[in-house]
Amino acid sequence: MSVVNSDSGDGLIRTGAVVFCVGALATIVTFVPLFLHLTPLPTPAYWASMLMPLGFLLALVGLFRSARAQRRRADAA
Protein backbone atom coordinates (compact mmCIF):
# COMPACT_ATOMS: atom_id res chain seq x y z
CA MET A 1 0.00 0.00 0.00
CA SER A 2 1.40 3.40 -0.92
CA VAL A 3 1.19 6.51 1.19
CA VAL A 4 0.32 9.73 -0.61
CA ASN A 5 1.81 12.82 1.01
CA SER A 6 0.20 16.15 0.25
CA ASP A 7 3.04 18.60 -0.13
CA SER A 8 2.73 22.27 0.68
CA GLY A 9 3.06 23.14 -3.00
CA ASP A 10 0.19 20.98 -4.26
CA GLY A 11 -2.42 23.59 -3.40
CA LEU A 12 -0.40 26.27 -5.17
CA ILE A 13 -0.12 24.11 -8.26
CA ARG A 14 -3.88 23.54 -8.39
CA THR A 15 -4.62 27.22 -7.72
CA GLY A 16 -2.11 28.28 -10.36
CA ALA A 17 -3.71 25.96 -12.92
CA VAL A 18 -7.16 27.41 -12.27
CA VAL A 19 -5.89 31.01 -12.41
CA PHE A 20 -3.97 30.21 -15.60
CA CYS A 21 -7.10 28.77 -17.25
CA VAL A 22 -9.17 31.83 -16.27
CA GLY A 23 -6.45 34.08 -17.68
CA ALA A 24 -6.26 32.07 -20.90
CA LEU A 25 -10.01 32.33 -21.31
CA ALA A 26 -9.85 36.08 -20.65
CA THR A 27 -7.10 36.40 -23.26
CA ILE A 28 -9.19 34.62 -25.86
CA VAL A 29 -12.25 36.70 -25.03
CA THR A 30 -10.34 39.99 -25.28
CA PHE A 31 -8.58 39.23 -28.56
CA VAL A 32 -11.53 37.78 -30.49
CA PRO A 33 -13.19 41.22 -30.96
CA LEU A 34 -9.94 42.58 -32.37
CA PHE A 35 -9.75 39.86 -35.03
CA LEU A 36 -13.44 40.13 -35.93
CA HIS A 37 -13.30 43.95 -36.14
CA LEU A 38 -15.84 44.40 -33.36
CA THR A 39 -15.83 47.02 -30.62
CA PRO A 40 -12.84 46.39 -28.34
CA LEU A 41 -13.56 45.48 -24.74
CA PRO A 42 -12.81 47.92 -21.90
CA THR A 43 -9.39 48.04 -20.27
CA PRO A 44 -10.26 45.84 -17.24
CA ALA A 45 -10.86 42.96 -19.63
CA TYR A 46 -7.27 43.25 -20.80
CA TRP A 47 -6.07 43.33 -17.19
CA ALA A 48 -7.87 40.02 -16.65
CA SER A 49 -5.55 38.57 -19.29
CA MET A 50 -2.70 39.14 -16.85
CA LEU A 51 -4.05 36.27 -14.76
CA MET A 52 -2.44 33.84 -17.20
CA PRO A 53 1.19 34.65 -16.30
CA LEU A 54 0.19 35.00 -12.64
CA GLY A 55 -1.26 31.48 -12.68
CA PHE A 56 1.89 30.18 -14.36
CA LEU A 57 4.00 31.82 -11.65
CA LEU A 58 1.85 30.35 -8.86
CA ALA A 59 2.10 26.86 -10.35
CA LEU A 60 5.86 27.22 -10.77
CA VAL A 61 6.32 28.32 -7.14
CA GLY A 62 4.15 25.39 -6.02
CA LEU A 63 6.25 23.02 -8.10
CA PHE A 64 9.46 24.26 -6.49
CA ARG A 65 7.96 24.02 -2.98
CA SER A 66 6.80 20.49 -3.66
CA ALA A 67 10.21 19.50 -5.02
CA ARG A 68 11.96 20.95 -1.96
CA ALA A 69 9.63 19.07 0.40
CA GLN A 70 10.25 15.84 -1.50
CA ARG A 71 14.00 16.43 -1.38
CA ARG A 72 13.85 16.99 2.40
CA ARG A 73 11.93 13.74 2.87
CA ALA A 74 14.48 11.87 0.74
CA ASP A 75 17.38 13.34 2.71
CA ALA A 76 15.74 12.44 6.02
CA ALA A 77 15.23 8.82 4.97
PDB file of N, CA and C in Angstrom:
ATOM      1  N   MET A   1       0.845  -1.162   0.000  1.00  0.00           N
ATOM      2  CA  MET A   1       0.000   0.000   0.000  1.00  0.00           C
ATOM      3  C   MET A   1       0.898   1.233   0.000  1.00  0.00           C
ATOM      4  N   SER A   2       0.586   2.194  -0.848  1.00  0.00           N
ATOM      5  CA  SER A   2       1.404   3.402  -0.925  1.00  0.00           C
ATOM      6  C   SER A   2       0.774   4.518  -0.100  1.00  0.00           C
ATOM      7  N   VAL A   3       1.629   5.371   0.405  1.00  0.00           N
ATOM      8  CA  VAL A   3       1.189   6.512   1.195  1.00  0.00           C
ATOM      9  C   VAL A   3       1.359   7.754   0.341  1.00  0.00           C
ATOM     10  N   VAL A   4       0.279   8.515   0.181  1.00  0.00           N
ATOM     11  CA  VAL A   4       0.322   9.733  -0.614  1.00  0.00           C
ATOM     12  C   VAL A   4       0.478  10.905   0.338  1.00  0.00           C
ATOM     13  N   ASN A   5       1.578  11.649   0.187  1.00  0.00           N
ATOM     14  CA  ASN A   5       1.811  12.824   1.006  1.00  0.00           C
ATOM     15  C   ASN A   5       1.381  14.067   0.242  1.00  0.00           C
ATOM     16  N   SER A   6       0.615  14.900   0.872  1.00  0.00           N
ATOM     17  CA  SER A   6       0.200  16.150   0.254  1.00  0.00           C
ATOM     18  C   SER A   6       1.228  17.213   0.612  1.00  0.00           C
ATOM     19  N   ASP A   7       2.008  17.600  -0.370  1.00  0.00           N
ATOM     20  CA  ASP A   7       3.044  18.604  -0.131  1.00  0.00           C
ATOM     21  C   ASP A   7       2.424  19.984  -0.023  1.00  0.00           C
ATOM     22  N   SER A   8       3.218  20.902   0.511  1.00  0.00           N
ATOM     23  CA  SER A   8       2.731  22.271   0.678  1.00  0.00           C
ATOM     24  C   SER A   8       2.527  22.965  -0.663  1.00  0.00           C
ATOM     25  N   GLY A   9       3.177  22.496  -1.702  1.00  0.00           N
ATOM     26  CA  GLY A   9       3.059  23.144  -2.998  1.00  0.00           C
ATOM     27  C   GLY A   9       1.912  22.633  -3.846  1.00  0.00           C
ATOM     28  N   ASP A  10       1.270  21.545  -3.443  1.00  0.00           N
ATOM     29  CA  ASP A  10       0.191  20.977  -4.260  1.00  0.00           C
ATOM     30  C   ASP A  10      -0.980  21.943  -4.409  1.00  0.00           C
ATOM     31  N   GLY A  11      -1.329  22.616  -3.340  1.00  0.00           N
ATOM     32  CA  GLY A  11      -2.418  23.594  -3.404  1.00  0.00           C
ATOM     33  C   GLY A  11      -2.079  24.756  -4.319  1.00  0.00           C
ATOM     34  N   LEU A  12      -0.818  25.195  -4.277  1.00  0.00           N
ATOM     35  CA  LEU A  12      -0.405  26.274  -5.165  1.00  0.00           C
ATOM     36  C   LEU A  12      -0.437  25.847  -6.627  1.00  0.00           C
ATOM     37  N   ILE A  13      -0.089  24.607  -6.887  1.00  0.00           N
ATOM     38  CA  ILE A  13      -0.116  24.111  -8.263  1.00  0.00           C
ATOM     39  C   ILE A  13      -1.544  24.089  -8.779  1.00  0.00           C
ATOM     40  N   ARG A  14      -2.468  23.583  -7.971  1.00  0.00           N
ATOM     41  CA  ARG A  14      -3.875  23.541  -8.395  1.00  0.00           C
ATOM     42  C   ARG A  14      -4.439  24.947  -8.575  1.00  0.00           C
ATOM     43  N   THR A  15      -4.149  25.841  -7.623  1.00  0.00           N
ATOM     44  CA  THR A  15      -4.624  27.218  -7.725  1.00  0.00           C
ATOM     45  C   THR A  15      -4.040  27.903  -8.955  1.00  0.00           C
ATOM     46  N   GLY A  16      -2.760  27.685  -9.187  1.00  0.00           N
ATOM     47  CA  GLY A  16      -2.114  28.275 -10.358  1.00  0.00           C
ATOM     48  C   GLY A  16      -2.719  27.774 -11.655  1.00  0.00           C
ATOM     49  N   ALA A  17      -3.087  26.502 -11.706  1.00  0.00           N
ATOM     50  CA  ALA A  17      -3.707  25.956 -12.916  1.00  0.00           C
ATOM     51  C   ALA A  17      -5.069  26.596 -13.172  1.00  0.00           C
ATOM     52  N   VAL A  18      -5.846  26.782 -12.114  1.00  0.00           N
ATOM     53  CA  VAL A  18      -7.163  27.406 -12.268  1.00  0.00           C
ATOM     54  C   VAL A  18      -7.012  28.866 -12.703  1.00  0.00           C
ATOM     55  N   VAL A  19      -6.106  29.599 -12.059  1.00  0.00           N
ATOM     56  CA  VAL A  19      -5.886  31.006 -12.413  1.00  0.00           C
ATOM     57  C   VAL A  19      -5.368  31.115 -13.842  1.00  0.00           C
ATOM     58  N   PHE A  20      -4.489  30.202 -14.240  1.00  0.00           N
ATOM     59  CA  PHE A  20      -3.973  30.207 -15.601  1.00  0.00           C
ATOM     60  C   PHE A  20      -5.106  29.987 -16.607  1.00  0.00           C
ATOM     61  N   CYS A  21      -5.989  29.044 -16.331  1.00  0.00           N
ATOM     62  CA  CYS A  21      -7.102  28.774 -17.252  1.00  0.00           C
ATOM     63  C   CYS A  21      -8.048  29.971 -17.354  1.00  0.00           C
ATOM     64  N   VAL A  22      -8.323  30.625 -16.238  1.00  0.00           N
ATOM     65  CA  VAL A  22      -9.167  31.827 -16.267  1.00  0.00           C
ATOM     66  C   VAL A  22      -8.486  32.918 -17.088  1.00  0.00           C
ATOM     67  N   GLY A  23      -7.189  33.088 -16.906  1.00  0.00           N
ATOM     68  CA  GLY A  23      -6.449  34.084 -17.677  1.00  0.00           C
ATOM     69  C   GLY A  23      -6.397  33.753 -19.153  1.00  0.00           C
ATOM     70  N   ALA A  24      -6.262  32.473 -19.488  1.00  0.00           N
ATOM     71  CA  ALA A  24      -6.260  32.069 -20.902  1.00  0.00           C
ATOM     72  C   ALA A  24      -7.618  32.338 -21.536  1.00  0.00           C
ATOM     73  N   LEU A  25      -8.677  32.048 -20.810  1.00  0.00           N
ATOM     74  CA  LEU A  25     -10.012  32.329 -21.310  1.00  0.00           C
ATOM     75  C   LEU A  25     -10.217  33.835 -21.491  1.00  0.00           C
ATOM     76  N   ALA A  26      -9.740  34.628 -20.538  1.00  0.00           N
ATOM     77  CA  ALA A  26      -9.852  36.081 -20.654  1.00  0.00           C
ATOM     78  C   ALA A  26      -9.048  36.594 -21.847  1.00  0.00           C
ATOM     79  N   THR A  27      -7.901  35.994 -22.115  1.00  0.00           N
ATOM     80  CA  THR A  27      -7.096  36.400 -23.261  1.00  0.00           C
ATOM     81  C   THR A  27      -7.830  36.117 -24.566  1.00  0.00           C
ATOM     82  N   ILE A  28      -8.433  34.955 -24.659  1.00  0.00           N
ATOM     83  CA  ILE A  28      -9.186  34.619 -25.864  1.00  0.00           C
ATOM     84  C   ILE A  28     -10.362  35.570 -26.044  1.00  0.00           C
ATOM     85  N   VAL A  29     -11.075  35.829 -24.958  1.00  0.00           N
ATOM     86  CA  VAL A  29     -12.248  36.701 -25.034  1.00  0.00           C
ATOM     87  C   VAL A  29     -11.864  38.126 -25.416  1.00  0.00           C
ATOM     88  N   THR A  30     -10.725  38.615 -24.968  1.00  0.00           N
ATOM     89  CA  THR A  30     -10.344  39.987 -25.282  1.00  0.00           C
ATOM     90  C   THR A  30      -9.770  40.142 -26.684  1.00  0.00           C
ATOM     91  N   PHE A  31      -9.178  39.096 -27.230  1.00  0.00           N
ATOM     92  CA  PHE A  31      -8.582  39.229 -28.557  1.00  0.00           C
ATOM     93  C   PHE A  31      -9.528  38.879 -29.695  1.00  0.00           C
ATOM     94  N   VAL A  32     -10.576  38.139 -29.430  1.00  0.00           N
ATOM     95  CA  VAL A  32     -11.525  37.784 -30.488  1.00  0.00           C
ATOM     96  C   VAL A  32     -12.164  39.026 -31.113  1.00  0.00           C
ATOM     97  N   PRO A  33     -12.617  40.023 -30.322  1.00  0.00           N
ATOM     98  CA  PRO A  33     -13.191  41.218 -30.965  1.00  0.00           C
ATOM     99  C   PRO A  33     -12.193  41.972 -31.854  1.00  0.00           C
ATOM    100  N   LEU A  34     -10.928  41.895 -31.547  1.00  0.00           N
ATOM    101  CA  LEU A  34      -9.937  42.575 -32.373  1.00  0.00           C
ATOM    102  C   LEU A  34      -9.805  41.905 -33.740  1.00  0.00           C
ATOM    103  N   PHE A  35      -9.885  40.583 -33.768  1.00  0.00           N
ATOM    104  CA  PHE A  35      -9.754  39.858 -35.030  1.00  0.00           C
ATOM    105  C   PHE A  35     -11.032  39.911 -35.867  1.00  0.00           C
ATOM    106  N   LEU A  36     -12.169  40.070 -35.208  1.00  0.00           N
ATOM    107  CA  LEU A  36     -13.440  40.126 -35.925  1.00  0.00           C
ATOM    108  C   LEU A  36     -13.889  41.552 -36.207  1.00  0.00           C
ATOM    109  N   HIS A  37     -13.038  42.522 -35.902  1.00  0.00           N
ATOM    110  CA  HIS A  37     -13.299  43.950 -36.142  1.00  0.00           C
ATOM    111  C   HIS A  37     -14.571  44.411 -35.433  1.00  0.00           C
ATOM    112  N   LEU A  38     -14.733  43.972 -34.196  1.00  0.00           N
ATOM    113  CA  LEU A  38     -15.840  44.404 -33.358  1.00  0.00           C
ATOM    114  C   LEU A  38     -15.341  45.484 -32.413  1.00  0.00           C
ATOM    115  N   THR A  39     -16.219  46.006 -31.600  1.00  0.00           N
ATOM    116  CA  THR A  39     -15.835  47.018 -30.625  1.00  0.00           C
ATOM    117  C   THR A  39     -14.924  46.381 -29.575  1.00  0.00           C
ATOM    118  N   PRO A  40     -13.736  46.960 -29.345  1.00  0.00           N
ATOM    119  CA  PRO A  40     -12.836  46.388 -28.337  1.00  0.00           C
ATOM    120  C   PRO A  40     -13.451  46.449 -26.941  1.00  0.00           C
ATOM    121  N   LEU A  41     -13.069  45.518 -26.121  1.00  0.00           N
ATOM    122  CA  LEU A  41     -13.556  45.475 -24.741  1.00  0.00           C
ATOM    123  C   LEU A  41     -12.869  46.554 -23.907  1.00  0.00           C
ATOM    124  N   PRO A  42     -13.446  46.910 -22.762  1.00  0.00           N
ATOM    125  CA  PRO A  42     -12.814  47.922 -21.903  1.00  0.00           C
ATOM    126  C   PRO A  42     -11.496  47.415 -21.301  1.00  0.00           C
ATOM    127  N   THR A  43     -10.722  48.337 -20.796  1.00  0.00           N
ATOM    128  CA  THR A  43      -9.390  48.040 -20.273  1.00  0.00           C
ATOM    129  C   THR A  43      -9.370  46.959 -19.189  1.00  0.00           C
ATOM    130  N   PRO A  44     -10.316  46.917 -18.246  1.00  0.00           N
ATOM    131  CA  PRO A  44     -10.261  45.844 -17.240  1.00  0.00           C
ATOM    132  C   PRO A  44     -10.279  44.436 -17.838  1.00  0.00           C
ATOM    133  N   ALA A  45     -10.868  44.281 -18.991  1.00  0.00           N
ATOM    134  CA  ALA A  45     -10.862  42.962 -19.630  1.00  0.00           C
ATOM    135  C   ALA A  45      -9.439  42.573 -20.023  1.00  0.00           C
ATOM    136  N   TYR A  46      -8.656  43.543 -20.450  1.00  0.00           N
ATOM    137  CA  TYR A  46      -7.266  43.249 -20.801  1.00  0.00           C
ATOM    138  C   TYR A  46      -6.428  42.970 -19.552  1.00  0.00           C
ATOM    139  N   TRP A  47      -6.774  43.613 -18.449  1.00  0.00           N
ATOM    140  CA  TRP A  47      -6.073  43.331 -17.194  1.00  0.00           C
ATOM    141  C   TRP A  47      -6.363  41.916 -16.719  1.00  0.00           C
ATOM    142  N   ALA A  48      -7.545  41.394 -17.029  1.00  0.00           N
ATOM    143  CA  ALA A  48      -7.873  40.020 -16.650  1.00  0.00           C
ATOM    144  C   ALA A  48      -6.978  39.028 -17.390  1.00  0.00           C
ATOM    145  N   SER A  49      -6.470  39.431 -18.540  1.00  0.00           N
ATOM    146  CA  SER A  49      -5.549  38.567 -19.286  1.00  0.00           C
ATOM    147  C   SER A  49      -4.240  38.357 -18.536  1.00  0.00           C
ATOM    148  N   MET A  50      -3.929  39.258 -17.626  1.00  0.00           N
ATOM    149  CA  MET A  50      -2.699  39.136 -16.852  1.00  0.00           C
ATOM    150  C   MET A  50      -2.782  38.019 -15.814  1.00  0.00           C
ATOM    151  N   LEU A  51      -3.939  37.409 -15.675  1.00  0.00           N
ATOM    152  CA  LEU A  51      -4.053  36.268 -14.763  1.00  0.00           C
ATOM    153  C   LEU A  51      -3.310  35.055 -15.308  1.00  0.00           C
ATOM    154  N   MET A  52      -3.120  35.001 -16.616  1.00  0.00           N
ATOM    155  CA  MET A  52      -2.441  33.845 -17.201  1.00  0.00           C
ATOM    156  C   MET A  52      -0.992  33.741 -16.709  1.00  0.00           C
ATOM    157  N   PRO A  53      -0.170  34.794 -16.830  1.00  0.00           N
ATOM    158  CA  PRO A  53       1.193  34.654 -16.295  1.00  0.00           C
ATOM    159  C   PRO A  53       1.225  34.532 -14.771  1.00  0.00           C
ATOM    160  N   LEU A  54       0.248  35.137 -14.090  1.00  0.00           N
ATOM    161  CA  LEU A  54       0.190  34.997 -12.635  1.00  0.00           C
ATOM    162  C   LEU A  54      -0.074  33.546 -12.248  1.00  0.00           C
ATOM    163  N   GLY A  55      -0.984  32.893 -12.947  1.00  0.00           N
ATOM    164  CA  GLY A  55      -1.260  31.481 -12.684  1.00  0.00           C
ATOM    165  C   GLY A  55      -0.053  30.610 -12.969  1.00  0.00           C
ATOM    166  N   PHE A  56       0.669  30.921 -14.041  1.00  0.00           N
ATOM    167  CA  PHE A  56       1.887  30.181 -14.364  1.00  0.00           C
ATOM    168  C   PHE A  56       2.911  30.340 -13.247  1.00  0.00           C
ATOM    169  N   LEU A  57       3.051  31.562 -12.731  1.00  0.00           N
ATOM    170  CA  LEU A  57       4.001  31.816 -11.649  1.00  0.00           C
ATOM    171  C   LEU A  57       3.600  31.069 -10.376  1.00  0.00           C
ATOM    172  N   LEU A  58       2.314  31.074 -10.051  1.00  0.00           N
ATOM    173  CA  LEU A  58       1.853  30.349  -8.865  1.00  0.00           C
ATOM    174  C   LEU A  58       2.135  28.854  -8.985  1.00  0.00           C
ATOM    175  N   ALA A  59       1.852  28.286 -10.145  1.00  0.00           N
ATOM    176  CA  ALA A  59       2.104  26.860 -10.346  1.00  0.00           C
ATOM    177  C   ALA A  59       3.590  26.546 -10.276  1.00  0.00           C
ATOM    178  N   LEU A  60       4.417  27.427 -10.803  1.00  0.00           N
ATOM    179  CA  LEU A  60       5.860  27.216 -10.766  1.00  0.00           C
ATOM    180  C   LEU A  60       6.395  27.276  -9.329  1.00  0.00           C
ATOM    181  N   VAL A  61       5.906  28.226  -8.546  1.00  0.00           N
ATOM    182  CA  VAL A  61       6.315  28.317  -7.140  1.00  0.00           C
ATOM    183  C   VAL A  61       5.859  27.068  -6.387  1.00  0.00           C
ATOM    184  N   GLY A  62       4.643  26.614  -6.652  1.00  0.00           N
ATOM    185  CA  GLY A  62       4.151  25.391  -6.017  1.00  0.00           C
ATOM    186  C   GLY A  62       4.977  24.181  -6.401  1.00  0.00           C
ATOM    187  N   LEU A  63       5.412  24.127  -7.644  1.00  0.00           N
ATOM    188  CA  LEU A  63       6.254  23.023  -8.099  1.00  0.00           C
ATOM    189  C   LEU A  63       7.588  23.011  -7.362  1.00  0.00           C
ATOM    190  N   PHE A  64       8.183  24.184  -7.209  1.00  0.00           N
ATOM    191  CA  PHE A  64       9.458  24.264  -6.488  1.00  0.00           C
ATOM    192  C   PHE A  64       9.295  23.912  -5.011  1.00  0.00           C
ATOM    193  N   ARG A  65       8.195  24.363  -4.388  1.00  0.00           N
ATOM    194  CA  ARG A  65       7.961  24.023  -2.984  1.00  0.00           C
ATOM    195  C   ARG A  65       7.760  22.527  -2.810  1.00  0.00           C
ATOM    196  N   SER A  66       7.036  21.923  -3.719  1.00  0.00           N
ATOM    197  CA  SER A  66       6.797  20.485  -3.655  1.00  0.00           C
ATOM    198  C   SER A  66       8.100  19.711  -3.856  1.00  0.00           C
ATOM    199  N   ALA A  67       8.922  20.175  -4.782  1.00  0.00           N
ATOM    200  CA  ALA A  67      10.206  19.500  -5.024  1.00  0.00           C
ATOM    201  C   ALA A  67      11.122  19.619  -3.807  1.00  0.00           C
ATOM    202  N   ARG A  68      11.128  20.786  -3.159  1.00  0.00           N
ATOM    203  CA  ARG A  68      11.961  20.953  -1.959  1.00  0.00           C
ATOM    204  C   ARG A  68      11.488  20.052  -0.833  1.00  0.00           C
ATOM    205  N   ALA A  69      10.170  19.936  -0.660  1.00  0.00           N
ATOM    206  CA  ALA A  69       9.635  19.070   0.402  1.00  0.00           C
ATOM    207  C   ALA A  69       9.978  17.609   0.117  1.00  0.00           C
ATOM    208  N   GLN A  70       9.899  17.211  -1.134  1.00  0.00           N
ATOM    209  CA  GLN A  70      10.250  15.841  -1.501  1.00  0.00           C
ATOM    210  C   GLN A  70      11.739  15.585  -1.276  1.00  0.00           C
ATOM    211  N   ARG A  71      12.540  16.557  -1.567  1.00  0.00           N
ATOM    212  CA  ARG A  71      13.997  16.431  -1.378  1.00  0.00           C
ATOM    213  C   ARG A  71      14.332  16.305   0.117  1.00  0.00           C
ATOM    214  N   ARG A  72      13.627  17.100   0.948  1.00  0.00           N
ATOM    215  CA  ARG A  72      13.853  16.995   2.396  1.00  0.00           C
ATOM    216  C   ARG A  72      13.466  15.632   2.929  1.00  0.00           C
ATOM    217  N   ARG A  73      12.349  15.077   2.433  1.00  0.00           N
ATOM    218  CA  ARG A  73      11.934  13.743   2.867  1.00  0.00           C
ATOM    219  C   ARG A  73      12.949  12.686   2.430  1.00  0.00           C
ATOM    220  N   ALA A  74      13.493  12.834   1.234  1.00  0.00           N
ATOM    221  CA  ALA A  74      14.479  11.875   0.739  1.00  0.00           C
ATOM    222  C   ALA A  74      15.780  11.967   1.553  1.00  0.00           C
ATOM    223  N   ASP A  75      16.176  13.165   1.920  1.00  0.00           N
ATOM    224  CA  ASP A  75      17.377  13.336   2.713  1.00  0.00           C
ATOM    225  C   ASP A  75      17.210  12.804   4.133  1.00  0.00           C
ATOM    226  N   ALA A  76      15.987  12.924   4.654  1.00  0.00           N
ATOM    227  CA  ALA A  76      15.735  12.437   6.015  1.00  0.00           C
ATOM    228  C   ALA A  76      15.674  10.918   6.074  1.00  0.00           C
ATOM    229  N   ALA A  77      15.361  10.292   4.979  1.00  0.00           N
ATOM    230  CA  ALA A  77      15.227   8.817   4.971  1.00  0.00           C
ATOM    231  C   ALA A  77      16.561   8.123   4.879  1.00  0.00           C
TER     232      ALA A  77
END
